[in-house]
């Protein structure tokens, strides 16, 4: 008999900044490819031509961690193309796709603008 239920244990780990609950290999691959496609789609054809290095880095990123760290470069490219407000909206949607794939401690924190 388990003394601590897995869901409670995972909740405690996430509160402490631990690793997320394990994700199956097929789910990880599928979600990583979904994120990759979303990142490339957000650039569009014009952005892919204008920012070839970012496009290449996203396309050939080895894992979800590499994609996570490319978000800053993608944000800069989107802001240059569409303005910061639209880039932030796009990145908010994209960042939500990483939930459960990167440790909570790596997640973004909302800053107050007041």
PDB file of N, CA and C in Angstrom:
ATOM      1  N   UNK A   1       0.832  -1.181   0.000  1.00  0.00           N
ATOM      2  CA  UNK A   1       0.000   0.000   0.000  1.00  0.00           C
ATOM      3  C   UNK A   1       0.880   1.248   0.000  1.00  0.00           C
ATOM      4  N   UNK A   2       0.540   2.186  -0.853  1.00  0.00           N
ATOM      5  CA  UNK A   2       1.301   3.427  -0.908  1.00  0.00           C
ATOM      6  C   UNK A   2       0.827   4.380   0.180  1.00  0.00           C
ATOM      7  N   UNK A   3       1.791   5.030   0.801  1.00  0.00           N
ATOM      8  CA  UNK A   3       1.451   5.993   1.831  1.00  0.00           C
ATOM      9  C   UNK A   3       1.087   7.352   1.230  1.00  0.00           C
ATOM     10  N   UNK A   4       1.714   7.689   0.124  1.00  0.00           N
ATOM     11  CA  UNK A   4       1.437   8.972  -0.524  1.00  0.00           C
ATOM     12  C   UNK A   4       0.967   8.691  -1.937  1.00  0.00           C
ATOM     13  N   UNK A   5      -0.187   9.206  -2.278  1.00  0.00           N
ATOM     14  CA  UNK A   5      -0.720   9.003  -3.619  1.00  0.00           C
ATOM     15  C   UNK A   5       0.157   9.724  -4.637  1.00  0.00           C
ATOM     16  N   UNK A   6       0.310   9.149  -5.835  1.00  0.00           N
ATOM     17  CA  UNK A   6       1.156   9.783  -6.851  1.00  0.00           C
ATOM     18  C   UNK A   6       0.739  11.212  -7.185  1.00  0.00           C
ATOM     19  N   UNK A   7      -0.563  11.481  -7.267  1.00  0.00           N
ATOM     20  CA  UNK A   7      -0.990  12.839  -7.619  1.00  0.00           C
ATOM     21  C   UNK A   7      -0.594  13.841  -6.535  1.00  0.00           C
ATOM     22  N   UNK A   8      -0.681  13.437  -5.280  1.00  0.00           N
ATOM     23  CA  UNK A   8      -0.274  14.314  -4.187  1.00  0.00           C
ATOM     24  C   UNK A   8       1.237  14.521  -4.225  1.00  0.00           C
ATOM     25  N   UNK A   9       1.964  13.455  -4.478  1.00  0.00           N
ATOM     26  CA  UNK A   9       3.414  13.544  -4.546  1.00  0.00           C
ATOM     27  C   UNK A   9       3.838  14.484  -5.665  1.00  0.00           C
ATOM     28  N   UNK A  10       3.205  14.377  -6.837  1.00  0.00           N
ATOM     29  CA  UNK A  10       3.546  15.251  -7.956  1.00  0.00           C
ATOM     30  C   UNK A  10       3.190  16.699  -7.645  1.00  0.00           C
ATOM     31  N   UNK A  11       2.092  16.905  -6.921  1.00  0.00           N
ATOM     32  CA  UNK A  11       1.708  18.263  -6.541  1.00  0.00           C
ATOM     33  C   UNK A  11       2.741  18.877  -5.609  1.00  0.00           C
ATOM     34  N   UNK A  12       3.222  18.093  -4.657  1.00  0.00           N
ATOM     35  CA  UNK A  12       4.235  18.580  -3.728  1.00  0.00           C
ATOM     36  C   UNK A  12       5.521  18.886  -4.485  1.00  0.00           C
ATOM     37  N   UNK A  13       5.927  18.008  -5.394  1.00  0.00           N
ATOM     38  CA  UNK A  13       7.131  18.259  -6.181  1.00  0.00           C
ATOM     39  C   UNK A  13       7.004  19.534  -6.997  1.00  0.00           C
ATOM     40  N   UNK A  14       5.841  19.773  -7.585  1.00  0.00           N
ATOM     41  CA  UNK A  14       5.682  20.976  -8.399  1.00  0.00           C
ATOM     42  C   UNK A  14       5.720  22.226  -7.529  1.00  0.00           C
ATOM     43  N   UNK A  15       5.178  22.148  -6.317  1.00  0.00           N
ATOM     44  CA  UNK A  15       5.258  23.289  -5.407  1.00  0.00           C
ATOM     45  C   UNK A  15       6.698  23.592  -5.020  1.00  0.00           C
ATOM     46  N   UNK A  16       7.494  22.566  -4.918  1.00  0.00           N
ATOM     47  CA  UNK A  16       8.891  22.741  -4.545  1.00  0.00           C
ATOM     48  C   UNK A  16       9.790  22.996  -5.750  1.00  0.00           C
ATOM     49  N   UNK A  17       9.212  23.092  -6.927  1.00  0.00           N
ATOM     50  CA  UNK A  17      10.012  23.347  -8.118  1.00  0.00           C
ATOM     51  C   UNK A  17      10.661  22.097  -8.662  1.00  0.00           C
ATOM     52  N   UNK A  18      10.105  20.954  -8.340  1.00  0.00           N
ATOM     53  CA  UNK A  18      10.668  19.693  -8.806  1.00  0.00           C
ATOM     54  C   UNK A  18      10.326  19.420 -10.249  1.00  0.00           C
ATOM     55  N   UNK A  19      10.650  18.250 -10.676  1.00  0.00           N
ATOM     56  CA  UNK A  19      10.381  17.872 -12.056  1.00  0.00           C
ATOM     57  C   UNK A  19       8.906  17.565 -12.244  1.00  0.00           C
ATOM     58  N   UNK A  20       8.408  17.770 -13.455  1.00  0.00           N
ATOM     59  CA  UNK A  20       7.003  17.457 -13.710  1.00  0.00           C
ATOM     60  C   UNK A  20       6.783  15.953 -13.704  1.00  0.00           C
ATOM     61  N   UNK A  21       5.533  15.520 -13.576  1.00  0.00           N
ATOM     62  CA  UNK A  21       5.260  14.089 -13.635  1.00  0.00           C
ATOM     63  C   UNK A  21       5.766  13.527 -14.959  1.00  0.00           C
ATOM     64  N   UNK A  22       6.185  12.273 -14.966  1.00  0.00           N
ATOM     65  CA  UNK A  22       6.724  11.694 -16.190  1.00  0.00           C
ATOM     66  C   UNK A  22       5.694  11.684 -17.321  1.00  0.00           C
ATOM     67  N   UNK A  23       6.179  11.928 -18.518  1.00  0.00           N
ATOM     68  CA  UNK A  23       5.350  11.915 -19.720  1.00  0.00           C
ATOM     69  C   UNK A  23       5.852  10.765 -20.575  1.00  0.00           C
ATOM     70  N   UNK A  24       4.935  10.016 -21.183  1.00  0.00           N
ATOM     71  CA  UNK A  24       5.358   8.887 -22.013  1.00  0.00           C
ATOM     72  C   UNK A  24       6.179   9.393 -23.193  1.00  0.00           C
ATOM     73  N   UNK A  25       7.026   8.545 -23.700  1.00  0.00           N
ATOM     74  CA  UNK A  25       7.920   8.908 -24.806  1.00  0.00           C
ATOM     75  C   UNK A  25       7.137   9.350 -26.038  1.00  0.00           C
ATOM     76  N   UNK A  26       6.073   8.637 -26.361  1.00  0.00           N
ATOM     77  CA  UNK A  26       5.291   9.000 -27.549  1.00  0.00           C
ATOM     78  C   UNK A  26       4.580  10.340 -27.352  1.00  0.00           C
ATOM     79  N   UNK A  27       4.084  10.585 -26.140  1.00  0.00           N
ATOM     80  CA  UNK A  27       3.444  11.867 -25.846  1.00  0.00           C
ATOM     81  C   UNK A  27       4.459  12.996 -25.918  1.00  0.00           C
ATOM     82  N   UNK A  28       5.642  12.765 -25.372  1.00  0.00           N
ATOM     83  CA  UNK A  28       6.699  13.770 -25.405  1.00  0.00           C
ATOM     84  C   UNK A  28       7.070  14.121 -26.841  1.00  0.00           C
ATOM     85  N   UNK A  29       7.255  13.105 -27.675  1.00  0.00           N
ATOM     86  CA  UNK A  29       7.604  13.344 -29.082  1.00  0.00           C
ATOM     87  C   UNK A  29       6.500  14.100 -29.802  1.00  0.00           C
ATOM     88  N   UNK A  30       5.269  13.692 -29.579  1.00  0.00           N
ATOM     89  CA  UNK A  30       4.134  14.329 -30.238  1.00  0.00           C
ATOM     90  C   UNK A  30       4.000  15.795 -29.824  1.00  0.00           C
ATOM     91  N   UNK A  31       4.081  16.044 -28.532  1.00  0.00           N
ATOM     92  CA  UNK A  31       3.945  17.425 -28.046  1.00  0.00           C
ATOM     93  C   UNK A  31       5.130  18.282 -28.462  1.00  0.00           C
ATOM     94  N   UNK A  32       6.322  17.702 -28.504  1.00  0.00           N
ATOM     95  CA  UNK A  32       7.499  18.449 -28.958  1.00  0.00           C
ATOM     96  C   UNK A  32       7.323  18.870 -30.408  1.00  0.00           C
ATOM     97  N   UNK A  33       6.829  17.967 -31.238  1.00  0.00           N
ATOM     98  CA  UNK A  33       6.602  18.301 -32.648  1.00  0.00           C
ATOM     99  C   UNK A  33       5.492  19.332 -32.803  1.00  0.00           C
ATOM    100  N   UNK A  34       4.460  19.257 -31.964  1.00  0.00           N
ATOM    101  CA  UNK A  34       3.399  20.270 -31.994  1.00  0.00           C
ATOM    102  C   UNK A  34       3.964  21.651 -31.666  1.00  0.00           C
ATOM    103  N   UNK A  35       4.827  21.705 -30.659  1.00  0.00           N
ATOM    104  CA  UNK A  35       5.454  22.974 -30.272  1.00  0.00           C
ATOM    105  C   UNK A  35       6.338  23.487 -31.401  1.00  0.00           C
ATOM    106  N   UNK A  36       7.126  22.596 -31.984  1.00  0.00           N
ATOM    107  CA  UNK A  36       8.013  22.977 -33.085  1.00  0.00           C
ATOM    108  C   UNK A  36       7.196  23.574 -34.246  1.00  0.00           C
ATOM    109  N   UNK A  37       6.107  22.894 -34.609  1.00  0.00           N
ATOM    110  CA  UNK A  37       5.252  23.376 -35.700  1.00  0.00           C
ATOM    111  C   UNK A  37       4.649  24.732 -35.366  1.00  0.00           C
ATOM    112  N   UNK A  38       4.206  24.899 -34.128  1.00  0.00           N
ATOM    113  CA  UNK A  38       3.621  26.176 -33.712  1.00  0.00           C
ATOM    114  C   UNK A  38       4.653  27.296 -33.786  1.00  0.00           C
ATOM    115  N   UNK A  39       5.882  27.008 -33.370  1.00  0.00           N
ATOM    116  CA  UNK A  39       6.941  28.018 -33.428  1.00  0.00           C
ATOM    117  C   UNK A  39       7.219  28.423 -34.875  1.00  0.00           C
ATOM    118  N   UNK A  40       7.309  27.443 -35.754  1.00  0.00           N
ATOM    119  CA  UNK A  40       7.570  27.738 -37.166  1.00  0.00           C
ATOM    120  C   UNK A  40       6.383  28.448 -37.806  1.00  0.00           C
ATOM    121  N   UNK A  41       5.173  28.022 -37.473  1.00  0.00           N
ATOM    122  CA  UNK A  41       3.975  28.671 -38.011  1.00  0.00           C
ATOM    123  C   UNK A  41       3.875  30.125 -37.564  1.00  0.00           C
ATOM    124  N   UNK A  42       4.300  30.392 -36.338  1.00  0.00           N
ATOM    125  CA  UNK A  42       4.213  31.767 -35.843  1.00  0.00           C
ATOM    126  C   UNK A  42       5.129  32.705 -36.628  1.00  0.00           C
ATOM    127  N   UNK A  43       6.226  32.176 -37.148  1.00  0.00           N
ATOM    128  CA  UNK A  43       7.111  32.984 -37.992  1.00  0.00           C
ATOM    129  C   UNK A  43       6.502  33.217 -39.371  1.00  0.00           C
ATOM    130  N   UNK A  44       5.805  32.224 -39.874  1.00  0.00           N
ATOM    131  CA  UNK A  44       5.232  32.334 -41.211  1.00  0.00           C
ATOM    132  C   UNK A  44       6.313  32.256 -42.284  1.00  0.00           C
ATOM    133  N   UNK A  45       5.906  32.348 -43.529  1.00  0.00           N
ATOM    134  CA  UNK A  45       6.860  32.242 -44.638  1.00  0.00           C
ATOM    135  C   UNK A  45       7.813  33.427 -44.681  1.00  0.00           C
ATOM    136  N   UNK A  46       7.282  34.627 -44.474  1.00  0.00           N
ATOM    137  CA  UNK A  46       8.142  35.812 -44.509  1.00  0.00           C
ATOM    138  C   UNK A  46       9.167  35.781 -43.380  1.00  0.00           C
ATOM    139  N   UNK A  47       8.722  35.415 -42.190  1.00  0.00           N
ATOM    140  CA  UNK A  47       9.631  35.330 -41.052  1.00  0.00           C
ATOM    141  C   UNK A  47      10.684  34.256 -41.237  1.00  0.00           C
ATOM    142  N   UNK A  48      10.292  33.141 -41.845  1.00  0.00           N
ATOM    143  CA  UNK A  48      11.251  32.059 -42.092  1.00  0.00           C
ATOM    144  C   UNK A  48      12.351  32.525 -43.037  1.00  0.00           C
ATOM    145  N   UNK A  49      11.984  33.349 -44.012  1.00  0.00           N
ATOM    146  CA  UNK A  49      12.992  33.886 -44.938  1.00  0.00           C
ATOM    147  C   UNK A  49      13.848  34.961 -44.274  1.00  0.00           C
ATOM    148  N   UNK A  50      13.219  35.778 -43.455  1.00  0.00           N
ATOM    149  CA  UNK A  50      13.927  36.887 -42.815  1.00  0.00           C
ATOM    150  C   UNK A  50      14.816  36.412 -41.664  1.00  0.00           C
ATOM    151  N   UNK A  51      14.375  35.393 -40.947  1.00  0.00           N
ATOM    152  CA  UNK A  51      15.106  34.897 -39.777  1.00  0.00           C
ATOM    153  C   UNK A  51      15.491  33.435 -39.999  1.00  0.00           C
ATOM    154  N   UNK A  52      16.342  33.208 -40.968  1.00  0.00           N
ATOM    155  CA  UNK A  52      16.704  31.837 -41.343  1.00  0.00           C
ATOM    156  C   UNK A  52      17.417  31.086 -40.219  1.00  0.00           C
ATOM    157  N   UNK A  53      18.242  31.783 -39.447  1.00  0.00           N
ATOM    158  CA  UNK A  53      18.974  31.096 -38.384  1.00  0.00           C
ATOM    159  C   UNK A  53      18.021  30.593 -37.297  1.00  0.00           C
ATOM    160  N   UNK A  54      17.056  31.402 -36.918  1.00  0.00           N
ATOM    161  CA  UNK A  54      16.082  30.971 -35.905  1.00  0.00           C
ATOM    162  C   UNK A  54      15.254  29.810 -36.446  1.00  0.00           C
ATOM    163  N   UNK A  55      14.839  29.931 -37.706  1.00  0.00           N
ATOM    164  CA  UNK A  55      14.058  28.857 -38.327  1.00  0.00           C
ATOM    165  C   UNK A  55      14.832  27.549 -38.290  1.00  0.00           C
ATOM    166  N   UNK A  56      16.096  27.607 -38.645  1.00  0.00           N
ATOM    167  CA  UNK A  56      16.940  26.414 -38.656  1.00  0.00           C
ATOM    168  C   UNK A  56      17.093  25.847 -37.245  1.00  0.00           C
ATOM    169  N   UNK A  57      17.314  26.716 -36.270  1.00  0.00           N
ATOM    170  CA  UNK A  57      17.513  26.248 -34.896  1.00  0.00           C
ATOM    171  C   UNK A  57      16.251  25.587 -34.343  1.00  0.00           C
ATOM    172  N   UNK A  58      15.089  26.152 -34.672  1.00  0.00           N
ATOM    173  CA  UNK A  58      13.827  25.547 -34.230  1.00  0.00           C
ATOM    174  C   UNK A  58      13.633  24.202 -34.918  1.00  0.00           C
ATOM    175  N   UNK A  59      13.852  24.173 -36.216  1.00  0.00           N
ATOM    176  CA  UNK A  59      13.632  22.951 -36.990  1.00  0.00           C
ATOM    177  C   UNK A  59      14.517  21.799 -36.498  1.00  0.00           C
ATOM    178  N   UNK A  60      15.753  22.098 -36.132  1.00  0.00           N
ATOM    179  CA  UNK A  60      16.691  21.034 -35.760  1.00  0.00           C
ATOM    180  C   UNK A  60      16.954  20.931 -34.257  1.00  0.00           C
ATOM    181  N   UNK A  61      16.152  21.595 -33.444  1.00  0.00           N
ATOM    182  CA  UNK A  61      16.308  21.483 -31.992  1.00  0.00           C
ATOM    183  C   UNK A  61      16.128  20.024 -31.585  1.00  0.00           C
ATOM    184  N   UNK A  62      17.016  19.541 -30.731  1.00  0.00           N
ATOM    185  CA  UNK A  62      17.033  18.128 -30.383  1.00  0.00           C
ATOM    186  C   UNK A  62      15.954  17.677 -29.420  1.00  0.00           C
ATOM    187  N   UNK A  63      15.469  18.580 -28.582  1.00  0.00           N
ATOM    188  CA  UNK A  63      14.479  18.183 -27.584  1.00  0.00           C
ATOM    189  C   UNK A  63      13.652  19.381 -27.143  1.00  0.00           C
ATOM    190  N   UNK A  64      12.719  19.127 -26.242  1.00  0.00           N
ATOM    191  CA  UNK A  64      11.812  20.172 -25.785  1.00  0.00           C
ATOM    192  C   UNK A  64      12.565  21.256 -25.012  1.00  0.00           C
ATOM    193  N   UNK A  65      13.639  20.882 -24.321  1.00  0.00           N
ATOM    194  CA  UNK A  65      14.442  21.880 -23.601  1.00  0.00           C
ATOM    195  C   UNK A  65      15.061  22.887 -24.569  1.00  0.00           C
ATOM    196  N   UNK A  66      15.574  22.399 -25.680  1.00  0.00           N
ATOM    197  CA  UNK A  66      16.173  23.292 -26.681  1.00  0.00           C
ATOM    198  C   UNK A  66      15.122  24.255 -27.229  1.00  0.00           C
ATOM    199  N   UNK A  67      13.919  23.755 -27.474  1.00  0.00           N
ATOM    200  CA  UNK A  67      12.838  24.622 -27.949  1.00  0.00           C
ATOM    201  C   UNK A  67      12.466  25.652 -26.882  1.00  0.00           C
ATOM    202  N   UNK A  68      12.459  25.228 -25.631  1.00  0.00           N
ATOM    203  CA  UNK A  68      12.143  26.135 -24.529  1.00  0.00           C
ATOM    204  C   UNK A  68      13.098  27.331 -24.539  1.00  0.00           C
ATOM    205  N   UNK A  69      14.377  27.062 -24.706  1.00  0.00           N
ATOM    206  CA  UNK A  69      15.365  28.135 -24.662  1.00  0.00           C
ATOM    207  C   UNK A  69      15.407  28.973 -25.937  1.00  0.00           C
ATOM    208  N   UNK A  70      14.760  28.537 -26.991  1.00  0.00           N
ATOM    209  CA  UNK A  70      14.674  29.330 -28.223  1.00  0.00           C
ATOM    210  C   UNK A  70      13.529  30.345 -28.183  1.00  0.00           C
ATOM    211  N   UNK A  71      12.719  30.302 -27.148  1.00  0.00           N
ATOM    212  CA  UNK A  71      11.580  31.218 -27.070  1.00  0.00           C
ATOM    213  C   UNK A  71      12.002  32.684 -27.084  1.00  0.00           C
ATOM    214  N   UNK A  72      13.101  33.010 -26.437  1.00  0.00           N
ATOM    215  CA  UNK A  72      13.562  34.400 -26.402  1.00  0.00           C
ATOM    216  C   UNK A  72      13.902  34.929 -27.782  1.00  0.00           C
ATOM    217  N   UNK A  73      14.605  34.113 -28.552  1.00  0.00           N
ATOM    218  CA  UNK A  73      14.954  34.514 -29.917  1.00  0.00           C
ATOM    219  C   UNK A  73      13.709  34.639 -30.784  1.00  0.00           C
ATOM    220  N   UNK A  74      12.778  33.715 -30.597  1.00  0.00           N
ATOM    221  CA  UNK A  74      11.535  33.771 -31.361  1.00  0.00           C
ATOM    222  C   UNK A  74      10.740  35.020 -30.988  1.00  0.00           C
ATOM    223  N   UNK A  75      10.701  35.351 -29.709  1.00  0.00           N
ATOM    224  CA  UNK A  75      10.003  36.561 -29.258  1.00  0.00           C
ATOM    225  C   UNK A  75      10.594  37.792 -29.928  1.00  0.00           C
ATOM    226  N   UNK A  76      11.913  37.880 -29.979  1.00  0.00           N
ATOM    227  CA  UNK A  76      12.565  39.035 -30.609  1.00  0.00           C
ATOM    228  C   UNK A  76      12.212  39.123 -32.089  1.00  0.00           C
ATOM    229  N   UNK A  77      12.204  37.987 -32.769  1.00  0.00           N
ATOM    230  CA  UNK A  77      11.869  37.972 -34.195  1.00  0.00           C
ATOM    231  C   UNK A  77      10.416  38.389 -34.413  1.00  0.00           C
ATOM    232  N   UNK A  78       9.515  37.852 -33.614  1.00  0.00           N
ATOM    233  CA  UNK A  78       8.098  38.201 -33.756  1.00  0.00           C
ATOM    234  C   UNK A  78       7.854  39.672 -33.443  1.00  0.00           C
ATOM    235  N   UNK A  79       8.549  40.198 -32.441  1.00  0.00           N
ATOM    236  CA  UNK A  79       8.399  41.614 -32.094  1.00  0.00           C
ATOM    237  C   UNK A  79       8.899  42.499 -33.231  1.00  0.00           C
ATOM    238  N   UNK A  80       9.978  42.096 -33.880  1.00  0.00           N
ATOM    239  CA  UNK A  80      10.499  42.868 -35.014  1.00  0.00           C
ATOM    240  C   UNK A  80       9.521  42.855 -36.186  1.00  0.00           C
ATOM    241  N   UNK A  81       8.821  41.746 -36.362  1.00  0.00           N
ATOM    242  CA  UNK A  81       7.899  41.615 -37.491  1.00  0.00           C
ATOM    243  C   UNK A  81       6.528  42.233 -37.220  1.00  0.00           C
ATOM    244  N   UNK A  82       5.988  42.009 -36.008  1.00  0.00           N
ATOM    245  CA  UNK A  82       4.587  42.341 -35.739  1.00  0.00           C
ATOM    246  C   UNK A  82       4.373  43.309 -34.582  1.00  0.00           C
ATOM    247  N   UNK A  83       5.421  43.654 -33.875  1.00  0.00           N
ATOM    248  CA  UNK A  83       5.273  44.495 -32.689  1.00  0.00           C
ATOM    249  C   UNK A  83       5.239  43.646 -31.430  1.00  0.00           C
ATOM    250  N   UNK A  84       5.578  44.281 -30.319  1.00  0.00           N
ATOM    251  CA  UNK A  84       5.724  43.532 -29.074  1.00  0.00           C
ATOM    252  C   UNK A  84       4.407  42.976 -28.538  1.00  0.00           C
ATOM    253  N   UNK A  85       3.327  43.716 -28.682  1.00  0.00           N
ATOM    254  CA  UNK A  85       2.042  43.256 -28.133  1.00  0.00           C
ATOM    255  C   UNK A  85       1.598  41.943 -28.771  1.00  0.00           C
ATOM    256  N   UNK A  86       1.640  41.867 -30.075  1.00  0.00           N
ATOM    257  CA  UNK A  86       1.247  40.638 -30.764  1.00  0.00           C
ATOM    258  C   UNK A  86       2.237  39.510 -30.468  1.00  0.00           C
ATOM    259  N   UNK A  87       3.523  39.862 -30.389  1.00  0.00           N
ATOM    260  CA  UNK A  87       4.538  38.854 -30.074  1.00  0.00           C
ATOM    261  C   UNK A  87       4.294  38.260 -28.692  1.00  0.00           C
ATOM    262  N   UNK A  88       3.944  39.096 -27.722  1.00  0.00           N
ATOM    263  CA  UNK A  88       3.662  38.602 -26.363  1.00  0.00           C
ATOM    264  C   UNK A  88       2.460  37.667 -26.345  1.00  0.00           C
ATOM    265  N   UNK A  89       1.423  38.022 -27.076  1.00  0.00           N
ATOM    266  CA  UNK A  89       0.242  37.153 -27.147  1.00  0.00           C
ATOM    267  C   UNK A  89       0.599  35.795 -27.739  1.00  0.00           C
ATOM    268  N   UNK A  90       1.344  35.823 -28.831  1.00  0.00           N
ATOM    269  CA  UNK A  90       1.760  34.582 -29.487  1.00  0.00           C
ATOM    270  C   UNK A  90       2.615  33.745 -28.552  1.00  0.00           C
ATOM    271  N   UNK A  91       3.547  34.384 -27.856  1.00  0.00           N
ATOM    272  CA  UNK A  91       4.443  33.655 -26.962  1.00  0.00           C
ATOM    273  C   UNK A  91       3.699  33.116 -25.741  1.00  0.00           C
ATOM    274  N   UNK A  92       2.666  33.804 -25.291  1.00  0.00           N
ATOM    275  CA  UNK A  92       1.867  33.291 -24.176  1.00  0.00           C
ATOM    276  C   UNK A  92       1.203  31.975 -24.530  1.00  0.00           C
ATOM    277  N   UNK A  93       0.632  31.920 -25.726  1.00  0.00           N
ATOM    278  CA  UNK A  93       0.004  30.687 -26.209  1.00  0.00           C
ATOM    279  C   UNK A  93       1.042  29.582 -26.353  1.00  0.00           C
ATOM    280  N   UNK A  94       2.176  29.932 -26.911  1.00  0.00           N
ATOM    281  CA  UNK A  94       3.246  28.960 -27.133  1.00  0.00           C
ATOM    282  C   UNK A  94       3.804  28.441 -25.808  1.00  0.00           C
ATOM    283  N   UNK A  95       4.028  29.330 -24.870  1.00  0.00           N
ATOM    284  CA  UNK A  95       4.582  28.935 -23.572  1.00  0.00           C
ATOM    285  C   UNK A  95       3.653  27.970 -22.848  1.00  0.00           C
ATOM    286  N   UNK A  96       2.352  28.162 -22.981  1.00  0.00           N
ATOM    287  CA  UNK A  96       1.386  27.259 -22.342  1.00  0.00           C
ATOM    288  C   UNK A  96       1.525  25.833 -22.867  1.00  0.00           C
ATOM    289  N   UNK A  97       1.991  25.677 -24.089  1.00  0.00           N
ATOM    290  CA  UNK A  97       2.162  24.342 -24.671  1.00  0.00           C
ATOM    291  C   UNK A  97       3.262  23.543 -23.972  1.00  0.00           C
ATOM    292  N   UNK A  98       4.158  24.221 -23.277  1.00  0.00           N
ATOM    293  CA  UNK A  98       5.265  23.552 -22.585  1.00  0.00           C
ATOM    294  C   UNK A  98       4.851  23.000 -21.221  1.00  0.00           C
ATOM    295  N   UNK A  99       3.649  23.324 -20.762  1.00  0.00           N
ATOM    296  CA  UNK A  99       3.219  22.909 -19.433  1.00  0.00           C
ATOM    297  C   UNK A  99       3.292  21.392 -19.291  1.00  0.00           C
ATOM    298  N   UNK A 100       3.968  20.957 -18.239  1.00  0.00           N
ATOM    299  CA  UNK A 100       4.133  19.536 -17.976  1.00  0.00           C
ATOM    300  C   UNK A 100       5.345  18.925 -18.659  1.00  0.00           C
ATOM    301  N   UNK A 101       6.010  19.694 -19.516  1.00  0.00           N
ATOM    302  CA  UNK A 101       7.183  19.176 -20.226  1.00  0.00           C
ATOM    303  C   UNK A 101       8.486  19.728 -19.671  1.00  0.00           C
ATOM    304  N   UNK A 102       8.418  20.882 -19.030  1.00  0.00           N
ATOM    305  CA  UNK A 102       9.597  21.469 -18.392  1.00  0.00           C
ATOM    306  C   UNK A 102       9.269  21.666 -16.919  1.00  0.00           C
ATOM    307  N   UNK A 103      10.262  21.627 -16.047  1.00  0.00           N
ATOM    308  CA  UNK A 103       9.993  21.814 -14.622  1.00  0.00           C
ATOM    309  C   UNK A 103       9.318  23.156 -14.359  1.00  0.00           C
ATOM    310  N   UNK A 104       8.434  23.177 -13.372  1.00  0.00           N
ATOM    311  CA  UNK A 104       7.713  24.403 -13.025  1.00  0.00           C
ATOM    312  C   UNK A 104       8.668  25.541 -12.694  1.00  0.00           C
ATOM    313  N   UNK A 105       9.823  25.217 -12.126  1.00  0.00           N
ATOM    314  CA  UNK A 105      10.785  26.256 -11.772  1.00  0.00           C
ATOM    315  C   UNK A 105      11.277  26.998 -13.010  1.00  0.00           C
ATOM    316  N   UNK A 106      11.198  26.362 -14.186  1.00  0.00           N
ATOM    317  CA  UNK A 106      11.599  27.016 -15.422  1.00  0.00           C
ATOM    318  C   UNK A 106      10.482  27.852 -16.006  1.00  0.00           C
ATOM    319  N   UNK A 107       9.277  27.673 -15.503  1.00  0.00           N
ATOM    320  CA  UNK A 107       8.141  28.404 -16.045  1.00  0.00           C
ATOM    321  C   UNK A 107       8.303  29.898 -15.869  1.00  0.00           C
ATOM    322  N   UNK A 108       7.555  30.634 -16.664  1.00  0.00           N
ATOM    323  CA  UNK A 108       7.639  32.083 -16.586  1.00  0.00           C
ATOM    324  C   UNK A 108       6.827  32.588 -15.414  1.00  0.00           C
ATOM    325  N   UNK A 109       7.249  33.686 -14.881  1.00  0.00           N
ATOM    326  CA  UNK A 109       6.521  34.328 -13.787  1.00  0.00           C
ATOM    327  C   UNK A 109       5.909  35.606 -14.322  1.00  0.00           C
ATOM    328  N   UNK A 110       4.673  35.834 -13.950  1.00  0.00           N
ATOM    329  CA  UNK A 110       3.995  37.068 -14.359  1.00  0.00           C
ATOM    330  C   UNK A 110       4.556  38.224 -13.539  1.00  0.00           C
ATOM    331  N   UNK A 111       4.882  39.288 -14.214  1.00  0.00           N
ATOM    332  CA  UNK A 111       5.351  40.480 -13.518  1.00  0.00           C
ATOM    333  C   UNK A 111       4.258  41.523 -13.564  1.00  0.00           C
ATOM    334  N   UNK A 112       4.096  42.217 -12.467  1.00  0.00           N
ATOM    335  CA  UNK A 112       3.101  43.291 -12.476  1.00  0.00           C
ATOM    336  C   UNK A 112       3.689  44.485 -13.208  1.00  0.00           C
ATOM    337  N   UNK A 113       2.851  45.169 -13.941  1.00  0.00           N
ATOM    338  CA  UNK A 113       3.328  46.312 -14.711  1.00  0.00           C
ATOM    339  C   UNK A 113       2.866  47.619 -14.083  1.00  0.00           C
ATOM    340  N   UNK A 114       2.588  47.582 -12.822  1.00  0.00           N
ATOM    341  CA  UNK A 114       2.074  48.786 -12.182  1.00  0.00           C
ATOM    342  C   UNK A 114       2.964  49.230 -11.143  1.00  0.00           C
TER     343      UNK A 114
END
